[in-house]
């Protein structure tokens, strides 16, 4: 059974998926989630604390979802490269809104590093560790993981900006081919 705070987290995630973060105000959020701004502050201490905790919970859920995907055997007997698997998972209709919200927070955090510095560090470490663990042993170094995360981030932001799924997917495929060709030539 969920605690009241866990129920609030679920309601807040649903609200943020619909409304985004740009104009977030506690009073409308409280009204939409069936509580008061005072109780939100009681549970989360501040608007920033609320965002950090809610989005950390959402990010943990996404990491678990992706990890479960990796545990499944390949459908066609041939496994996609991990970056392709991550891309397909991220752009799937059920995951895309959640990742879009995480990127929105990332941009907000970059604009307000004093408030969100801890979130930025944790977010970067979490996704870098995930990508590093996905890479084949011969490619498992922090610099290459950073490159893969940067390419993914750039293409995901491009997808959010243009809605051009075909072109951004072709771009991730090309990056994967370039990396494969470079590995074959070394």
N, C-alpha and C. Protein backbone atom coordinates (compact mmCIF):
# COMPACT_ATOMS: atom_id res chain seq x y z
N UNK A 1 0.84 -1.18 0.00
CA UNK A 1 0.00 0.00 0.00
C UNK A 1 0.89 1.25 0.00
N UNK A 2 0.54 2.19 -0.84
CA UNK A 2 1.33 3.41 -0.96
C UNK A 2 1.07 4.37 0.20
N UNK A 3 2.11 5.08 0.59
CA UNK A 3 1.95 6.15 1.57
C UNK A 3 1.31 7.35 0.88
N UNK A 4 0.87 8.32 1.65
CA UNK A 4 0.28 9.53 1.06
C UNK A 4 1.31 10.25 0.20
N UNK A 5 2.56 10.28 0.65
CA UNK A 5 3.60 10.95 -0.12
C UNK A 5 3.83 10.24 -1.45
N UNK A 6 3.83 8.92 -1.47
CA UNK A 6 3.99 8.17 -2.72
C UNK A 6 2.82 8.41 -3.66
N UNK A 7 1.60 8.50 -3.10
CA UNK A 7 0.44 8.83 -3.92
C UNK A 7 0.59 10.22 -4.53
N UNK A 8 1.09 11.15 -3.72
CA UNK A 8 1.32 12.51 -4.22
C UNK A 8 2.34 12.52 -5.35
N UNK A 9 3.40 11.76 -5.17
CA UNK A 9 4.43 11.69 -6.22
C UNK A 9 3.81 11.22 -7.52
N UNK A 10 3.00 10.17 -7.47
CA UNK A 10 2.35 9.67 -8.69
C UNK A 10 1.44 10.74 -9.31
N UNK A 11 0.67 11.44 -8.48
CA UNK A 11 -0.23 12.49 -8.98
C UNK A 11 0.56 13.66 -9.56
N UNK A 12 1.66 14.00 -8.92
CA UNK A 12 2.48 15.12 -9.39
C UNK A 12 3.12 14.78 -10.73
N UNK A 13 3.59 13.54 -10.87
CA UNK A 13 4.18 13.11 -12.16
C UNK A 13 3.12 13.25 -13.25
N UNK A 14 1.91 12.77 -13.00
CA UNK A 14 0.84 12.87 -14.00
C UNK A 14 0.58 14.34 -14.36
N UNK A 15 0.55 15.21 -13.36
CA UNK A 15 0.33 16.63 -13.59
C UNK A 15 1.46 17.22 -14.44
N UNK A 16 2.69 16.91 -14.09
CA UNK A 16 3.84 17.46 -14.81
C UNK A 16 3.90 16.95 -16.25
N UNK A 17 3.51 15.70 -16.47
CA UNK A 17 3.48 15.17 -17.83
C UNK A 17 2.49 15.95 -18.69
N UNK A 18 1.42 16.39 -18.08
CA UNK A 18 0.40 17.13 -18.83
C UNK A 18 0.75 18.62 -18.98
N UNK A 19 1.33 19.22 -17.93
CA UNK A 19 1.53 20.67 -17.90
C UNK A 19 2.98 21.12 -18.05
N UNK A 20 3.93 20.22 -17.87
CA UNK A 20 5.34 20.60 -17.94
C UNK A 20 5.79 21.36 -16.71
N UNK A 21 7.01 21.88 -16.78
CA UNK A 21 7.62 22.55 -15.64
C UNK A 21 7.67 24.07 -15.76
N UNK A 22 7.54 24.58 -16.96
CA UNK A 22 7.83 25.99 -17.24
C UNK A 22 7.09 26.95 -16.30
N UNK A 23 5.82 26.76 -16.11
CA UNK A 23 5.03 27.69 -15.30
C UNK A 23 4.51 27.02 -14.03
N UNK A 24 5.27 26.09 -13.49
CA UNK A 24 4.81 25.33 -12.33
C UNK A 24 4.60 26.24 -11.13
N UNK A 25 3.42 26.16 -10.58
CA UNK A 25 3.06 26.90 -9.37
C UNK A 25 2.42 25.91 -8.40
N UNK A 26 2.74 26.06 -7.11
CA UNK A 26 2.27 25.08 -6.14
C UNK A 26 0.76 25.07 -5.95
N UNK A 27 0.10 26.21 -6.01
CA UNK A 27 -1.34 26.23 -5.76
C UNK A 27 -2.12 25.42 -6.82
N UNK A 28 -1.91 25.67 -8.13
CA UNK A 28 -2.61 24.84 -9.11
C UNK A 28 -2.20 23.36 -9.03
N UNK A 29 -0.93 23.11 -8.75
CA UNK A 29 -0.48 21.73 -8.59
C UNK A 29 -1.20 21.07 -7.42
N UNK A 30 -1.28 21.77 -6.30
CA UNK A 30 -1.96 21.22 -5.13
C UNK A 30 -3.44 20.95 -5.43
N UNK A 31 -4.09 21.89 -6.07
CA UNK A 31 -5.51 21.70 -6.40
C UNK A 31 -5.70 20.49 -7.31
N UNK A 32 -4.82 20.34 -8.28
CA UNK A 32 -4.95 19.23 -9.23
C UNK A 32 -4.64 17.88 -8.59
N UNK A 33 -3.85 17.88 -7.53
CA UNK A 33 -3.47 16.62 -6.90
C UNK A 33 -4.25 16.34 -5.62
N UNK A 34 -5.25 17.17 -5.34
CA UNK A 34 -6.14 16.93 -4.22
C UNK A 34 -5.52 17.21 -2.86
N UNK A 35 -4.67 18.20 -2.80
CA UNK A 35 -4.04 18.57 -1.52
C UNK A 35 -3.92 20.09 -1.47
N UNK A 36 -3.11 20.57 -0.56
CA UNK A 36 -2.90 22.02 -0.44
C UNK A 36 -1.42 22.32 -0.65
N UNK A 37 -1.14 23.57 -0.99
CA UNK A 37 0.25 24.00 -1.16
C UNK A 37 1.01 23.81 0.16
N UNK A 38 0.35 24.06 1.27
CA UNK A 38 0.97 23.89 2.59
C UNK A 38 1.40 22.43 2.81
N UNK A 39 0.55 21.50 2.43
CA UNK A 39 0.90 20.08 2.61
C UNK A 39 1.99 19.64 1.62
N UNK A 40 2.02 20.23 0.45
CA UNK A 40 3.12 19.92 -0.47
C UNK A 40 4.44 20.36 0.15
N UNK A 41 4.46 21.55 0.74
CA UNK A 41 5.67 22.04 1.40
C UNK A 41 6.01 21.15 2.59
N UNK A 42 5.00 20.71 3.33
CA UNK A 42 5.23 19.80 4.46
C UNK A 42 5.93 18.52 3.99
N UNK A 43 5.45 17.95 2.91
CA UNK A 43 6.02 16.68 2.42
C UNK A 43 7.37 16.86 1.72
N UNK A 44 7.57 17.98 1.02
CA UNK A 44 8.75 18.11 0.16
C UNK A 44 9.67 19.28 0.53
N UNK A 45 9.30 20.09 1.51
CA UNK A 45 10.08 21.21 2.05
C UNK A 45 10.12 22.45 1.15
N UNK A 46 10.11 22.29 -0.16
CA UNK A 46 10.14 23.44 -1.07
C UNK A 46 9.71 22.96 -2.46
N UNK A 47 9.45 23.92 -3.33
CA UNK A 47 9.12 23.59 -4.72
C UNK A 47 10.28 22.85 -5.36
N UNK A 48 11.51 23.30 -5.11
CA UNK A 48 12.69 22.65 -5.67
C UNK A 48 12.86 21.24 -5.11
N UNK A 49 12.60 21.08 -3.81
CA UNK A 49 12.67 19.76 -3.18
C UNK A 49 11.63 18.82 -3.77
N UNK A 50 10.45 19.35 -4.03
CA UNK A 50 9.39 18.57 -4.66
C UNK A 50 9.85 18.09 -6.04
N UNK A 51 10.36 19.02 -6.84
CA UNK A 51 10.81 18.64 -8.19
C UNK A 51 11.94 17.62 -8.13
N UNK A 52 12.89 17.85 -7.27
CA UNK A 52 14.03 16.93 -7.18
C UNK A 52 13.56 15.53 -6.79
N UNK A 53 12.70 15.45 -5.80
CA UNK A 53 12.25 14.14 -5.32
C UNK A 53 11.34 13.45 -6.32
N UNK A 54 10.41 14.18 -6.89
CA UNK A 54 9.48 13.60 -7.85
C UNK A 54 10.22 13.13 -9.10
N UNK A 55 11.12 13.95 -9.61
CA UNK A 55 11.83 13.57 -10.83
C UNK A 55 12.89 12.51 -10.58
N UNK A 56 13.43 12.45 -9.37
CA UNK A 56 14.33 11.35 -9.03
C UNK A 56 13.57 10.03 -9.02
N UNK A 57 12.36 10.04 -8.46
CA UNK A 57 11.53 8.83 -8.45
C UNK A 57 11.17 8.42 -9.88
N UNK A 58 10.84 9.40 -10.70
CA UNK A 58 10.50 9.11 -12.09
C UNK A 58 11.71 8.56 -12.84
N UNK A 59 12.87 9.14 -12.60
CA UNK A 59 14.08 8.68 -13.27
C UNK A 59 14.43 7.25 -12.83
N UNK A 60 14.28 6.95 -11.56
CA UNK A 60 14.53 5.59 -11.08
C UNK A 60 13.59 4.59 -11.76
N UNK A 61 12.34 4.99 -11.93
CA UNK A 61 11.37 4.13 -12.61
C UNK A 61 11.80 3.90 -14.06
N UNK A 62 12.26 4.94 -14.74
CA UNK A 62 12.71 4.79 -16.13
C UNK A 62 13.93 3.88 -16.22
N UNK A 63 14.87 4.02 -15.29
CA UNK A 63 16.06 3.15 -15.31
C UNK A 63 15.65 1.70 -15.10
N UNK A 64 14.71 1.45 -14.18
CA UNK A 64 14.23 0.08 -13.96
C UNK A 64 13.55 -0.46 -15.22
N UNK A 65 12.76 0.38 -15.86
CA UNK A 65 12.07 -0.02 -17.09
C UNK A 65 13.08 -0.41 -18.17
N UNK A 66 14.11 0.40 -18.34
CA UNK A 66 15.12 0.10 -19.35
C UNK A 66 15.91 -1.15 -18.98
N UNK A 67 16.22 -1.32 -17.71
CA UNK A 67 16.94 -2.51 -17.27
C UNK A 67 16.13 -3.78 -17.54
N UNK A 68 14.82 -3.71 -17.32
CA UNK A 68 13.96 -4.87 -17.63
C UNK A 68 13.99 -5.19 -19.12
N UNK A 69 14.03 -4.16 -19.94
CA UNK A 69 14.11 -4.35 -21.38
C UNK A 69 15.38 -5.09 -21.76
N UNK A 70 16.48 -4.75 -21.11
CA UNK A 70 17.76 -5.40 -21.41
C UNK A 70 17.77 -6.87 -21.01
N UNK A 71 16.96 -7.22 -20.03
CA UNK A 71 16.93 -8.61 -19.54
C UNK A 71 16.17 -9.54 -20.49
N UNK A 72 15.33 -8.97 -21.36
CA UNK A 72 14.55 -9.79 -22.30
C UNK A 72 15.44 -10.30 -23.41
N UNK A 73 15.21 -11.54 -23.84
CA UNK A 73 15.97 -12.03 -25.00
C UNK A 73 15.53 -11.29 -26.26
N UNK A 74 16.45 -11.10 -27.22
CA UNK A 74 16.08 -10.39 -28.46
C UNK A 74 14.94 -11.10 -29.18
N UNK A 75 14.01 -10.31 -29.69
CA UNK A 75 12.82 -10.86 -30.36
C UNK A 75 13.18 -11.64 -31.62
N UNK A 76 14.14 -11.13 -32.39
CA UNK A 76 14.46 -11.77 -33.67
C UNK A 76 15.73 -12.62 -33.59
N UNK A 77 16.22 -12.85 -32.37
CA UNK A 77 17.44 -13.64 -32.21
C UNK A 77 18.71 -12.84 -32.41
N UNK A 78 18.57 -11.58 -32.84
CA UNK A 78 19.72 -10.71 -33.07
C UNK A 78 19.54 -9.44 -32.24
N UNK A 79 20.45 -9.22 -31.32
CA UNK A 79 20.33 -8.07 -30.42
C UNK A 79 20.77 -6.78 -31.12
N UNK A 80 20.01 -5.73 -30.93
CA UNK A 80 20.40 -4.41 -31.41
C UNK A 80 21.56 -3.90 -30.57
N UNK A 81 22.38 -3.01 -31.12
CA UNK A 81 23.40 -2.37 -30.29
C UNK A 81 22.71 -1.65 -29.12
N UNK A 82 23.37 -1.60 -27.96
CA UNK A 82 22.73 -1.01 -26.78
C UNK A 82 22.23 0.42 -26.99
N UNK A 83 22.97 1.26 -27.72
CA UNK A 83 22.52 2.63 -27.94
C UNK A 83 21.24 2.66 -28.78
N UNK A 84 21.12 1.75 -29.73
CA UNK A 84 19.90 1.66 -30.54
C UNK A 84 18.73 1.20 -29.68
N UNK A 85 18.99 0.24 -28.81
CA UNK A 85 17.97 -0.25 -27.91
C UNK A 85 17.49 0.88 -26.99
N UNK A 86 18.44 1.66 -26.47
CA UNK A 86 18.09 2.79 -25.62
C UNK A 86 17.26 3.81 -26.40
N UNK A 87 17.65 4.10 -27.63
CA UNK A 87 16.91 5.05 -28.45
C UNK A 87 15.48 4.58 -28.71
N UNK A 88 15.34 3.33 -29.14
CA UNK A 88 14.00 2.80 -29.42
C UNK A 88 13.12 2.84 -28.17
N UNK A 89 13.71 2.51 -27.04
CA UNK A 89 12.98 2.55 -25.79
C UNK A 89 12.57 3.99 -25.46
N UNK A 90 13.49 4.95 -25.62
CA UNK A 90 13.24 6.34 -25.25
C UNK A 90 12.17 6.99 -26.12
N UNK A 91 12.12 6.66 -27.40
CA UNK A 91 11.16 7.31 -28.30
C UNK A 91 9.82 6.57 -28.36
N UNK A 92 9.73 5.45 -27.65
CA UNK A 92 8.45 4.73 -27.60
C UNK A 92 7.40 5.64 -26.94
N UNK A 93 6.17 5.61 -27.43
CA UNK A 93 5.14 6.52 -26.92
C UNK A 93 4.96 6.49 -25.39
N UNK A 94 5.17 5.35 -24.76
CA UNK A 94 4.96 5.31 -23.30
C UNK A 94 6.12 5.93 -22.53
N UNK A 95 7.31 6.01 -23.12
CA UNK A 95 8.48 6.55 -22.42
C UNK A 95 8.82 7.99 -22.82
N UNK A 96 8.50 8.36 -24.05
CA UNK A 96 8.89 9.68 -24.57
C UNK A 96 8.46 10.83 -23.66
N UNK A 97 7.21 10.89 -23.19
CA UNK A 97 6.81 12.04 -22.35
C UNK A 97 7.63 12.13 -21.06
N UNK A 98 8.00 10.99 -20.50
CA UNK A 98 8.78 10.99 -19.26
C UNK A 98 10.19 11.53 -19.52
N UNK A 99 10.81 11.08 -20.59
CA UNK A 99 12.16 11.58 -20.90
C UNK A 99 12.11 13.05 -21.28
N UNK A 100 11.07 13.45 -21.99
CA UNK A 100 10.92 14.86 -22.34
C UNK A 100 10.87 15.72 -21.07
N UNK A 101 10.14 15.26 -20.07
CA UNK A 101 10.05 15.97 -18.80
C UNK A 101 11.41 16.01 -18.10
N UNK A 102 12.16 14.93 -18.16
CA UNK A 102 13.50 14.92 -17.56
C UNK A 102 14.42 15.92 -18.26
N UNK A 103 14.33 16.01 -19.57
CA UNK A 103 15.15 16.98 -20.29
C UNK A 103 14.72 18.41 -19.96
N UNK A 104 13.43 18.62 -19.75
CA UNK A 104 12.95 19.94 -19.36
C UNK A 104 13.56 20.33 -18.00
N UNK A 105 13.59 19.38 -17.07
CA UNK A 105 14.21 19.66 -15.78
C UNK A 105 15.71 19.89 -15.93
N UNK A 106 16.34 19.14 -16.80
CA UNK A 106 17.78 19.31 -17.03
C UNK A 106 18.08 20.75 -17.46
N UNK A 107 17.27 21.26 -18.35
CA UNK A 107 17.46 22.63 -18.83
C UNK A 107 17.20 23.62 -17.70
N UNK A 108 16.15 23.39 -16.92
CA UNK A 108 15.86 24.24 -15.76
C UNK A 108 17.02 24.19 -14.76
N UNK A 109 17.57 23.02 -14.54
CA UNK A 109 18.68 22.86 -13.60
C UNK A 109 19.94 23.58 -14.08
N UNK A 110 20.20 23.54 -15.38
CA UNK A 110 21.36 24.24 -15.92
C UNK A 110 21.19 25.75 -15.73
N UNK A 111 19.96 26.24 -15.84
CA UNK A 111 19.69 27.66 -15.65
C UNK A 111 19.78 28.07 -14.18
N UNK A 112 19.58 27.13 -13.28
CA UNK A 112 19.59 27.40 -11.84
C UNK A 112 20.52 26.43 -11.11
N UNK A 113 21.81 26.45 -11.42
CA UNK A 113 22.71 25.44 -10.85
C UNK A 113 22.82 25.50 -9.33
N UNK A 114 22.66 26.67 -8.73
CA UNK A 114 22.74 26.74 -7.27
C UNK A 114 21.64 25.92 -6.61
N UNK A 115 20.47 25.94 -7.21
CA UNK A 115 19.32 25.23 -6.65
C UNK A 115 19.37 23.74 -6.99
N UNK A 116 19.78 23.44 -8.23
CA UNK A 116 19.66 22.07 -8.72
C UNK A 116 21.00 21.37 -8.92
N UNK A 117 22.07 21.87 -8.35
CA UNK A 117 23.39 21.27 -8.57
C UNK A 117 23.41 19.79 -8.20
N UNK A 118 22.81 19.44 -7.10
CA UNK A 118 22.80 18.04 -6.67
C UNK A 118 22.06 17.17 -7.68
N UNK A 119 20.95 17.66 -8.20
CA UNK A 119 20.20 16.92 -9.21
C UNK A 119 21.06 16.72 -10.46
N UNK A 120 21.71 17.79 -10.92
CA UNK A 120 22.54 17.70 -12.12
C UNK A 120 23.63 16.65 -11.97
N UNK A 121 24.30 16.65 -10.85
CA UNK A 121 25.38 15.67 -10.63
C UNK A 121 24.83 14.26 -10.60
N UNK A 122 23.74 14.06 -9.88
CA UNK A 122 23.15 12.72 -9.76
C UNK A 122 22.61 12.24 -11.11
N UNK A 123 21.94 13.13 -11.83
CA UNK A 123 21.38 12.77 -13.13
C UNK A 123 22.49 12.35 -14.10
N UNK A 124 23.54 13.14 -14.17
CA UNK A 124 24.65 12.83 -15.06
C UNK A 124 25.29 11.51 -14.69
N UNK A 125 25.55 11.31 -13.41
CA UNK A 125 26.19 10.07 -12.96
C UNK A 125 25.31 8.86 -13.26
N UNK A 126 24.01 8.96 -13.01
CA UNK A 126 23.10 7.83 -13.22
C UNK A 126 23.08 7.37 -14.67
N UNK A 127 22.91 8.32 -15.60
CA UNK A 127 22.80 7.94 -17.00
C UNK A 127 24.16 7.54 -17.58
N UNK A 128 25.23 8.19 -17.13
CA UNK A 128 26.57 7.80 -17.60
C UNK A 128 26.90 6.38 -17.14
N UNK A 129 26.55 6.06 -15.91
CA UNK A 129 26.79 4.70 -15.41
C UNK A 129 25.98 3.68 -16.20
N UNK A 130 24.74 4.00 -16.51
CA UNK A 130 23.91 3.09 -17.29
C UNK A 130 24.53 2.84 -18.66
N UNK A 131 24.91 3.90 -19.35
CA UNK A 131 25.50 3.75 -20.68
C UNK A 131 26.83 3.01 -20.59
N UNK A 132 27.64 3.33 -19.62
CA UNK A 132 28.93 2.65 -19.44
C UNK A 132 28.72 1.15 -19.26
N UNK A 133 27.73 0.77 -18.48
CA UNK A 133 27.45 -0.65 -18.25
C UNK A 133 26.93 -1.35 -19.51
N UNK A 134 26.28 -0.60 -20.41
CA UNK A 134 25.74 -1.18 -21.64
C UNK A 134 26.80 -1.44 -22.69
N UNK A 135 27.89 -0.69 -22.62
CA UNK A 135 28.90 -0.77 -23.67
C UNK A 135 29.65 -2.10 -23.63
N UNK A 136 30.06 -2.59 -24.80
CA UNK A 136 30.90 -3.79 -24.82
C UNK A 136 32.20 -3.52 -24.06
N UNK A 137 32.78 -4.55 -23.49
CA UNK A 137 33.97 -4.40 -22.64
C UNK A 137 35.06 -3.57 -23.30
N UNK A 138 35.30 -3.77 -24.60
CA UNK A 138 36.40 -3.05 -25.27
C UNK A 138 36.13 -1.55 -25.39
N UNK A 139 34.86 -1.12 -25.25
CA UNK A 139 34.51 0.31 -25.37
C UNK A 139 34.17 0.94 -24.03
N UNK A 140 34.34 0.21 -22.96
CA UNK A 140 33.87 0.66 -21.66
C UNK A 140 34.85 1.62 -21.01
N UNK A 141 34.84 2.85 -21.48
CA UNK A 141 35.64 3.90 -20.83
C UNK A 141 34.77 5.14 -20.70
N UNK A 142 35.02 5.96 -19.68
CA UNK A 142 34.15 7.12 -19.41
C UNK A 142 34.06 8.10 -20.58
N UNK A 143 35.15 8.30 -21.32
CA UNK A 143 35.10 9.25 -22.43
C UNK A 143 34.14 8.77 -23.52
N UNK A 144 34.19 7.49 -23.85
CA UNK A 144 33.29 6.97 -24.88
C UNK A 144 31.84 6.98 -24.39
N UNK A 145 31.63 6.66 -23.11
CA UNK A 145 30.27 6.72 -22.55
C UNK A 145 29.75 8.16 -22.62
N UNK A 146 30.61 9.13 -22.33
CA UNK A 146 30.21 10.54 -22.41
C UNK A 146 29.82 10.91 -23.83
N UNK A 147 30.60 10.44 -24.80
CA UNK A 147 30.28 10.70 -26.21
C UNK A 147 28.92 10.11 -26.57
N UNK A 148 28.67 8.89 -26.16
CA UNK A 148 27.38 8.26 -26.47
C UNK A 148 26.22 9.02 -25.82
N UNK A 149 26.39 9.42 -24.56
CA UNK A 149 25.34 10.18 -23.87
C UNK A 149 25.12 11.52 -24.58
N UNK A 150 26.20 12.18 -24.99
CA UNK A 150 26.07 13.48 -25.67
C UNK A 150 25.35 13.35 -27.00
N UNK A 151 25.67 12.32 -27.76
CA UNK A 151 24.98 12.09 -29.04
C UNK A 151 23.50 11.81 -28.78
N UNK A 152 23.22 10.95 -27.82
CA UNK A 152 21.84 10.63 -27.48
C UNK A 152 21.10 11.90 -27.05
N UNK A 153 21.71 12.67 -26.13
CA UNK A 153 21.08 13.90 -25.64
C UNK A 153 20.77 14.85 -26.80
N UNK A 154 21.77 15.08 -27.64
CA UNK A 154 21.59 16.00 -28.75
C UNK A 154 20.47 15.56 -29.68
N UNK A 155 20.43 14.28 -29.99
CA UNK A 155 19.39 13.79 -30.90
C UNK A 155 18.02 13.79 -30.23
N UNK A 156 17.98 13.51 -28.94
CA UNK A 156 16.69 13.55 -28.26
C UNK A 156 16.15 14.98 -28.21
N UNK A 157 17.02 15.94 -27.94
CA UNK A 157 16.59 17.35 -27.94
C UNK A 157 16.14 17.75 -29.35
N UNK A 158 16.86 17.29 -30.36
CA UNK A 158 16.46 17.56 -31.75
C UNK A 158 15.07 16.97 -32.02
N UNK A 159 14.83 15.77 -31.55
CA UNK A 159 13.52 15.14 -31.72
C UNK A 159 12.44 15.93 -30.99
N UNK A 160 12.72 16.38 -29.77
CA UNK A 160 11.74 17.18 -29.04
C UNK A 160 11.44 18.48 -29.79
N UNK A 161 12.46 19.06 -30.40
CA UNK A 161 12.31 20.35 -31.08
C UNK A 161 11.59 20.23 -32.42
N UNK A 162 11.84 19.15 -33.15
CA UNK A 162 11.34 19.05 -34.52
C UNK A 162 10.26 17.99 -34.73
N UNK A 163 10.16 17.05 -33.80
CA UNK A 163 9.26 15.89 -33.93
C UNK A 163 9.62 15.01 -35.12
N UNK A 164 10.83 15.15 -35.64
CA UNK A 164 11.26 14.37 -36.80
C UNK A 164 11.92 13.06 -36.34
N UNK A 165 11.08 12.10 -36.03
CA UNK A 165 11.55 10.81 -35.51
C UNK A 165 12.37 10.05 -36.55
N UNK A 166 11.95 10.12 -37.81
CA UNK A 166 12.64 9.39 -38.86
C UNK A 166 14.09 9.87 -38.99
N UNK A 167 14.27 11.18 -39.10
CA UNK A 167 15.62 11.73 -39.30
C UNK A 167 16.51 11.51 -38.09
N UNK A 168 15.97 11.70 -36.88
CA UNK A 168 16.79 11.51 -35.67
C UNK A 168 17.14 10.04 -35.47
N UNK A 169 16.24 9.15 -35.84
CA UNK A 169 16.56 7.72 -35.75
C UNK A 169 17.62 7.35 -36.79
N UNK A 170 17.53 7.92 -37.98
CA UNK A 170 18.58 7.69 -38.98
C UNK A 170 19.92 8.21 -38.47
N UNK A 171 19.91 9.32 -37.77
CA UNK A 171 21.16 9.89 -37.25
C UNK A 171 21.77 8.97 -36.18
N UNK A 172 20.95 8.42 -35.30
CA UNK A 172 21.50 7.52 -34.28
C UNK A 172 22.04 6.26 -34.95
N UNK A 173 21.34 5.78 -35.98
CA UNK A 173 21.82 4.61 -36.72
C UNK A 173 23.17 4.90 -37.38
N UNK A 174 23.31 6.09 -37.94
CA UNK A 174 24.57 6.45 -38.60
C UNK A 174 25.71 6.53 -37.57
N UNK A 175 25.44 7.11 -36.41
CA UNK A 175 26.45 7.17 -35.37
C UNK A 175 26.90 5.76 -34.97
N UNK A 176 25.95 4.87 -34.81
CA UNK A 176 26.27 3.48 -34.43
C UNK A 176 27.12 2.83 -35.52
N UNK A 177 26.79 3.08 -36.78
CA UNK A 177 27.60 2.53 -37.89
C UNK A 177 29.01 3.10 -37.89
N UNK A 178 29.13 4.41 -37.67
CA UNK A 178 30.45 5.06 -37.63
C UNK A 178 31.31 4.43 -36.54
N UNK A 179 30.72 4.24 -35.37
CA UNK A 179 31.45 3.64 -34.26
C UNK A 179 31.84 2.20 -34.61
N UNK A 180 30.92 1.46 -35.21
CA UNK A 180 31.22 0.07 -35.61
C UNK A 180 32.31 0.02 -36.65
N UNK A 181 32.27 0.93 -37.63
CA UNK A 181 33.32 0.97 -38.66
C UNK A 181 34.66 1.32 -38.05
N UNK A 182 34.68 2.28 -37.14
CA UNK A 182 35.93 2.68 -36.50
C UNK A 182 36.51 1.53 -35.69
N UNK A 183 35.64 0.78 -35.01
CA UNK A 183 36.11 -0.37 -34.23
C UNK A 183 36.67 -1.44 -35.16
N UNK A 184 36.03 -1.65 -36.31
CA UNK A 184 36.49 -2.68 -37.26
C UNK A 184 37.85 -2.32 -37.87
N UNK A 185 38.13 -1.03 -37.99
CA UNK A 185 39.38 -0.56 -38.61
C UNK A 185 40.53 -0.39 -37.63
N UNK A 186 40.31 -0.70 -36.36
CA UNK A 186 41.40 -0.55 -35.38
C UNK A 186 42.05 -1.86 -35.08
